[in-house]
PDB file of N, CA and C in Angstrom:
ATOM      1  N   MET A   1      18.938 -16.922   0.122  1.00  0.00           N
ATOM      2  CA  MET A   1      18.735 -17.385  -1.293  1.00  0.00           C
ATOM      3  C   MET A   1      17.642 -18.271  -1.361  1.00  0.00           C
ATOM      4  N   VAL A   2      16.803 -17.928  -2.390  1.00  0.00           N
ATOM      5  CA  VAL A   2      15.578 -18.719  -2.633  1.00  0.00           C
ATOM      6  C   VAL A   2      15.748 -19.337  -4.001  1.00  0.00           C
ATOM      7  N   LEU A   3      15.691 -20.676  -4.156  1.00  0.00           N
ATOM      8  CA  LEU A   3      15.936 -21.364  -5.341  1.00  0.00           C
ATOM      9  C   LEU A   3      17.234 -20.936  -6.039  1.00  0.00           C
ATOM     10  N   GLY A   4      18.211 -20.627  -5.241  1.00  0.00           N
ATOM     11  CA  GLY A   4      19.540 -20.300  -5.878  1.00  0.00           C
ATOM     12  C   GLY A   4      19.591 -18.913  -6.443  1.00  0.00           C
ATOM     13  N   LEU A   5      18.557 -18.059  -6.156  1.00  0.00           N
ATOM     14  CA  LEU A   5      18.532 -16.638  -6.644  1.00  0.00           C
ATOM     15  C   LEU A   5      18.850 -15.752  -5.470  1.00  0.00           C
ATOM     16  N   SER A   6      19.798 -14.829  -5.643  1.00  0.00           N
ATOM     17  CA  SER A   6      20.181 -13.884  -4.641  1.00  0.00           C
ATOM     18  C   SER A   6      19.016 -12.729  -4.526  1.00  0.00           C
ATOM     19  N   ARG A   7      19.096 -11.876  -3.483  1.00  0.00           N
ATOM     20  CA  ARG A   7      18.181 -10.754  -3.386  1.00  0.00           C
ATOM     21  C   ARG A   7      18.589  -9.811  -4.420  1.00  0.00           C
ATOM     22  N   GLN A   8      19.817  -9.627  -4.671  1.00  0.00           N
ATOM     23  CA  GLN A   8      20.166  -8.529  -5.680  1.00  0.00           C
ATOM     24  C   GLN A   8      19.567  -8.946  -7.014  1.00  0.00           C
ATOM     25  N   TYR A   9      19.551 -10.125  -7.356  1.00  0.00           N
ATOM     26  CA  TYR A   9      18.968 -10.676  -8.645  1.00  0.00           C
ATOM     27  C   TYR A   9      17.458 -10.362  -8.689  1.00  0.00           C
ATOM     28  N   LEU A  10      16.785 -10.693  -7.480  1.00  0.00           N
ATOM     29  CA  LEU A  10      15.404 -10.589  -7.494  1.00  0.00           C
ATOM     30  C   LEU A  10      15.012  -8.942  -7.528  1.00  0.00           C
ATOM     31  N   TRP A  11      15.805  -8.155  -6.834  1.00  0.00           N
ATOM     32  CA  TRP A  11      15.535  -6.683  -6.912  1.00  0.00           C
ATOM     33  C   TRP A  11      15.667  -6.176  -8.283  1.00  0.00           C
ATOM     34  N   THR A  12      16.366  -6.828  -9.138  1.00  0.00           N
ATOM     35  CA  THR A  12      16.698  -6.361 -10.479  1.00  0.00           C
ATOM     36  C   THR A  12      15.599  -6.904 -11.443  1.00  0.00           C
ATOM     37  N   VAL A  13      15.233  -8.202 -11.309  1.00  0.00           N
ATOM     38  CA  VAL A  13      14.360  -8.933 -12.345  1.00  0.00           C
ATOM     39  C   VAL A  13      12.975  -8.598 -12.045  1.00  0.00           C
ATOM     40  N   VAL A  14      12.460  -8.487 -10.845  1.00  0.00           N
ATOM     41  CA  VAL A  14      11.041  -8.265 -10.534  1.00  0.00           C
ATOM     42  C   VAL A  14      10.524  -6.933 -11.049  1.00  0.00           C
ATOM     43  N   PRO A  15      11.156  -5.878 -10.845  1.00  0.00           N
ATOM     44  CA  PRO A  15      10.661  -4.666 -11.403  1.00  0.00           C
ATOM     45  C   PRO A  15      10.586  -4.641 -13.020  1.00  0.00           C
ATOM     46  N   LEU A  16      11.628  -5.335 -13.666  1.00  0.00           N
ATOM     47  CA  LEU A  16      11.674  -5.506 -14.982  1.00  0.00           C
ATOM     48  C   LEU A  16      10.457  -6.244 -15.521  1.00  0.00           C
ATOM     49  N   LEU A  17      10.132  -7.456 -14.903  1.00  0.00           N
ATOM     50  CA  LEU A  17       9.051  -8.132 -15.259  1.00  0.00           C
ATOM     51  C   LEU A  17       7.771  -7.430 -15.094  1.00  0.00           C
ATOM     52  N   GLY A  18       7.685  -6.604 -13.964  1.00  0.00           N
ATOM     53  CA  GLY A  18       6.432  -5.738 -13.921  1.00  0.00           C
ATOM     54  C   GLY A  18       6.263  -4.800 -15.082  1.00  0.00           C
ATOM     55  N   PHE A  19       7.413  -4.146 -15.407  1.00  0.00           N
ATOM     56  CA  PHE A  19       7.303  -3.184 -16.536  1.00  0.00           C
ATOM     57  C   PHE A  19       7.045  -3.826 -17.754  1.00  0.00           C
ATOM     58  N   TRP A  20       7.476  -5.145 -18.107  1.00  0.00           N
ATOM     59  CA  TRP A  20       7.150  -5.836 -19.319  1.00  0.00           C
ATOM     60  C   TRP A  20       5.676  -6.172 -19.290  1.00  0.00           C
ATOM     61  N   PHE A  21       5.236  -6.667 -18.142  1.00  0.00           N
ATOM     62  CA  PHE A  21       3.734  -7.016 -18.047  1.00  0.00           C
ATOM     63  C   PHE A  21       2.852  -5.852 -18.202  1.00  0.00           C
ATOM     64  N   GLY A  22       3.114  -4.803 -17.695  1.00  0.00           N
ATOM     65  CA  GLY A  22       2.370  -3.428 -17.926  1.00  0.00           C
ATOM     66  C   GLY A  22       2.432  -3.018 -19.404  1.00  0.00           C
ATOM     67  N   SER A  23       3.589  -3.143 -19.901  1.00  0.00           N
ATOM     68  CA  SER A  23       3.596  -2.792 -21.326  1.00  0.00           C
ATOM     69  C   SER A  23       2.875  -3.716 -22.245  1.00  0.00           C
ATOM     70  N   PHE A  24       2.882  -5.027 -21.853  1.00  0.00           N
ATOM     71  CA  PHE A  24       2.090  -6.032 -22.632  1.00  0.00           C
ATOM     72  C   PHE A  24       0.620  -5.735 -22.411  1.00  0.00           C
ATOM     73  N   LEU A  25       0.088  -5.401 -21.344  1.00  0.00           N
ATOM     74  CA  LEU A  25      -1.306  -5.097 -21.094  1.00  0.00           C
ATOM     75  C   LEU A  25      -1.673  -3.843 -21.844  1.00  0.00           C
ATOM     76  N   ASP A  26      -0.799  -2.828 -21.897  1.00  0.00           N
ATOM     77  CA  ASP A  26      -1.208  -1.565 -22.601  1.00  0.00           C
ATOM     78  C   ASP A  26      -1.204  -1.888 -24.103  1.00  0.00           C
ATOM     79  N   ASP A  27      -0.327  -2.682 -24.661  1.00  0.00           N
ATOM     80  CA  ASP A  27      -0.438  -2.967 -26.080  1.00  0.00           C
ATOM     81  C   ASP A  27      -1.673  -3.925 -26.465  1.00  0.00           C
ATOM     82  N   LYS A  28      -2.072  -4.669 -25.487  1.00  0.00           N
ATOM     83  CA  LYS A  28      -3.371  -5.380 -25.745  1.00  0.00           C
ATOM     84  C   LYS A  28      -4.490  -4.555 -25.706  1.00  0.00           C
ATOM     85  N   GLU A  29      -4.500  -3.613 -24.850  1.00  0.00           N
ATOM     86  CA  GLU A  29      -5.698  -2.570 -24.690  1.00  0.00           C
ATOM     87  C   GLU A  29      -5.661  -1.744 -25.974  1.00  0.00           C
ATOM     88  N   THR A  30      -4.541  -1.311 -26.465  1.00  0.00           N
ATOM     89  CA  THR A  30      -4.479  -0.558 -27.714  1.00  0.00           C
ATOM     90  C   THR A  30      -5.075  -1.350 -28.936  1.00  0.00           C
ATOM     91  N   GLU A  31      -4.738  -2.658 -29.081  1.00  0.00           N
ATOM     92  CA  GLU A  31      -5.132  -3.407 -29.987  1.00  0.00           C
ATOM     93  C   GLU A  31      -6.749  -3.692 -29.906  1.00  0.00           C
ATOM     94  N   ARG A  32      -7.196  -3.740 -28.728  1.00  0.00           N
ATOM     95  CA  ARG A  32      -8.648  -3.990 -28.537  1.00  0.00           C
ATOM     96  C   ARG A  32      -9.315  -2.649 -28.927  1.00  0.00           C
ATOM     97  N   MET A  33      -8.835  -1.411 -28.629  1.00  0.00           N
ATOM     98  CA  MET A  33      -9.506  -0.170 -28.877  1.00  0.00           C
ATOM     99  C   MET A  33      -9.599   0.069 -30.488  1.00  0.00           C
ATOM    100  N   THR A  34      -8.625  -0.494 -31.162  1.00  0.00           N
ATOM    101  CA  THR A  34      -8.541  -0.200 -32.690  1.00  0.00           C
ATOM    102  C   THR A  34      -9.784  -0.898 -33.261  1.00  0.00           C
ATOM    103  N   MET A  35     -10.471  -1.709 -32.675  1.00  0.00           N
ATOM    104  CA  MET A  35     -11.645  -2.396 -33.243  1.00  0.00           C
ATOM    105  C   MET A  35     -12.837  -1.436 -33.347  1.00  0.00           C
ATOM    106  N   PHE A  36     -12.711  -0.334 -32.490  1.00  0.00           N
ATOM    107  CA  PHE A  36     -13.778   0.662 -32.355  1.00  0.00           C
ATOM    108  C   PHE A  36     -13.644   1.828 -33.254  1.00  0.00           C
ATOM    109  N   ARG A  37     -12.627   1.914 -34.040  1.00  0.00           N
ATOM    110  CA  ARG A  37     -12.363   3.236 -34.737  1.00  0.00           C
ATOM    111  C   ARG A  37     -13.480   3.426 -35.797  1.00  0.00           C
ATOM    112  N   ASP A  38     -14.168   4.598 -35.698  1.00  0.00           N
ATOM    113  CA  ASP A  38     -15.145   4.927 -36.595  1.00  0.00           C
ATOM    114  C   ASP A  38     -16.322   4.077 -36.514  1.00  0.00           C
ATOM    115  N   LYS A  39     -16.647   3.441 -35.415  1.00  0.00           N
ATOM    116  CA  LYS A  39     -17.708   2.536 -35.308  1.00  0.00           C
ATOM    117  C   LYS A  39     -18.787   3.333 -34.575  1.00  0.00           C
ATOM    118  N   SER A  40     -20.075   3.163 -34.841  1.00  0.00           N
ATOM    119  CA  SER A  40     -21.135   3.821 -34.152  1.00  0.00           C
ATOM    120  C   SER A  40     -21.110   3.636 -32.662  1.00  0.00           C
ATOM    121  N   ALA A  41     -20.687   2.452 -32.182  1.00  0.00           N
ATOM    122  CA  ALA A  41     -20.681   2.143 -30.683  1.00  0.00           C
ATOM    123  C   ALA A  41     -19.683   3.107 -30.114  1.00  0.00           C
ATOM    124  N   LEU A  42     -18.793   3.637 -30.594  1.00  0.00           N
ATOM    125  CA  LEU A  42     -17.813   4.590 -30.004  1.00  0.00           C
ATOM    126  C   LEU A  42     -18.044   6.029 -30.245  1.00  0.00           C
ATOM    127  N   TYR A  43     -18.328   6.323 -31.627  1.00  0.00           N
ATOM    128  CA  TYR A  43     -18.372   7.735 -32.005  1.00  0.00           C
ATOM    129  C   TYR A  43     -19.874   8.213 -32.326  1.00  0.00           C
ATOM    130  N   GLY A  44     -20.846   7.262 -32.294  1.00  0.00           N
ATOM    131  CA  GLY A  44     -22.146   7.601 -32.504  1.00  0.00           C
ATOM    132  C   GLY A  44     -22.617   7.924 -33.886  1.00  0.00           C
ATOM    133  N   ARG A  45     -21.829   7.393 -34.843  1.00  0.00           N
ATOM    134  CA  ARG A  45     -22.199   7.729 -36.193  1.00  0.00           C
ATOM    135  C   ARG A  45     -21.684   6.620 -37.083  1.00  0.00           C
ATOM    136  N   THR A  46     -22.255   6.496 -38.246  1.00  0.00           N
ATOM    137  CA  THR A  46     -21.725   5.522 -39.265  1.00  0.00           C
ATOM    138  C   THR A  46     -21.177   6.283 -40.391  1.00  0.00           C
ATOM    139  N   LEU A  47     -20.236   5.611 -41.160  1.00  0.00           N
ATOM    140  CA  LEU A  47     -19.524   6.305 -42.149  1.00  0.00           C
ATOM    141  C   LEU A  47     -20.586   6.361 -43.435  1.00  0.00           C
ATOM    142  N   LYS A  48     -20.521   7.374 -44.150  1.00  0.00           N
ATOM    143  CA  LYS A  48     -21.347   7.506 -45.346  1.00  0.00           C
ATOM    144  C   LYS A  48     -20.725   6.731 -46.565  1.00  0.00           C
ATOM    145  N   GLU A  49     -21.429   6.468 -47.533  1.00  0.00           N
ATOM    146  CA  GLU A  49     -20.976   5.780 -48.682  1.00  0.00           C
ATOM    147  C   GLU A  49     -19.785   6.591 -49.229  1.00  0.00           C
ATOM    148  N   GLY A  50     -18.694   5.872 -49.350  1.00  0.00           N
ATOM    149  CA  GLY A  50     -17.408   6.585 -50.038  1.00  0.00           C
ATOM    150  C   GLY A  50     -16.690   7.417 -48.996  1.00  0.00           C
ATOM    151  N   GLU A  51     -17.029   7.664 -47.835  1.00  0.00           N
ATOM    152  CA  GLU A  51     -16.268   8.466 -46.774  1.00  0.00           C
ATOM    153  C   GLU A  51     -15.089   7.558 -46.428  1.00  0.00           C
ATOM    154  N   LYS A  52     -14.032   8.238 -46.166  1.00  0.00           N
ATOM    155  CA  LYS A  52     -12.750   7.536 -45.800  1.00  0.00           C
ATOM    156  C   LYS A  52     -12.814   7.517 -44.225  1.00  0.00           C
ATOM    157  N   PRO A  53     -12.287   6.513 -43.650  1.00  0.00           N
ATOM    158  CA  PRO A  53     -12.054   6.449 -42.230  1.00  0.00           C
ATOM    159  C   PRO A  53     -11.035   7.544 -41.850  1.00  0.00           C
ATOM    160  N   SER A  54     -11.126   7.867 -40.428  1.00  0.00           N
ATOM    161  CA  SER A  54     -10.228   8.952 -39.980  1.00  0.00           C
ATOM    162  C   SER A  54      -8.764   8.523 -39.768  1.00  0.00           C
ATOM    163  N   TRP A  55      -8.472   7.250 -39.997  1.00  0.00           N
ATOM    164  CA  TRP A  55      -7.019   6.825 -39.831  1.00  0.00           C
ATOM    165  C   TRP A  55      -6.516   6.466 -41.267  1.00  0.00           C
ATOM    166  N   PRO A  56      -5.255   6.462 -41.454  1.00  0.00           N
ATOM    167  CA  PRO A  56      -4.679   6.211 -42.787  1.00  0.00           C
ATOM    168  C   PRO A  56      -4.766   4.781 -43.221  1.00  0.00           C
TER     169      PRO A  56
END
């Protein structure tokens, strides 16, 4: 027992924390990439006057 936590508890919590952290990082990357939608840095073009973006 480490700090009052059993091995069984740690074998349950550590993978769940890893999954949560990976999901958090994936969500942050998705948020970051939305800044580049229809921007010339990513697609190599600019929108014309009155043209709608490709997302709703």
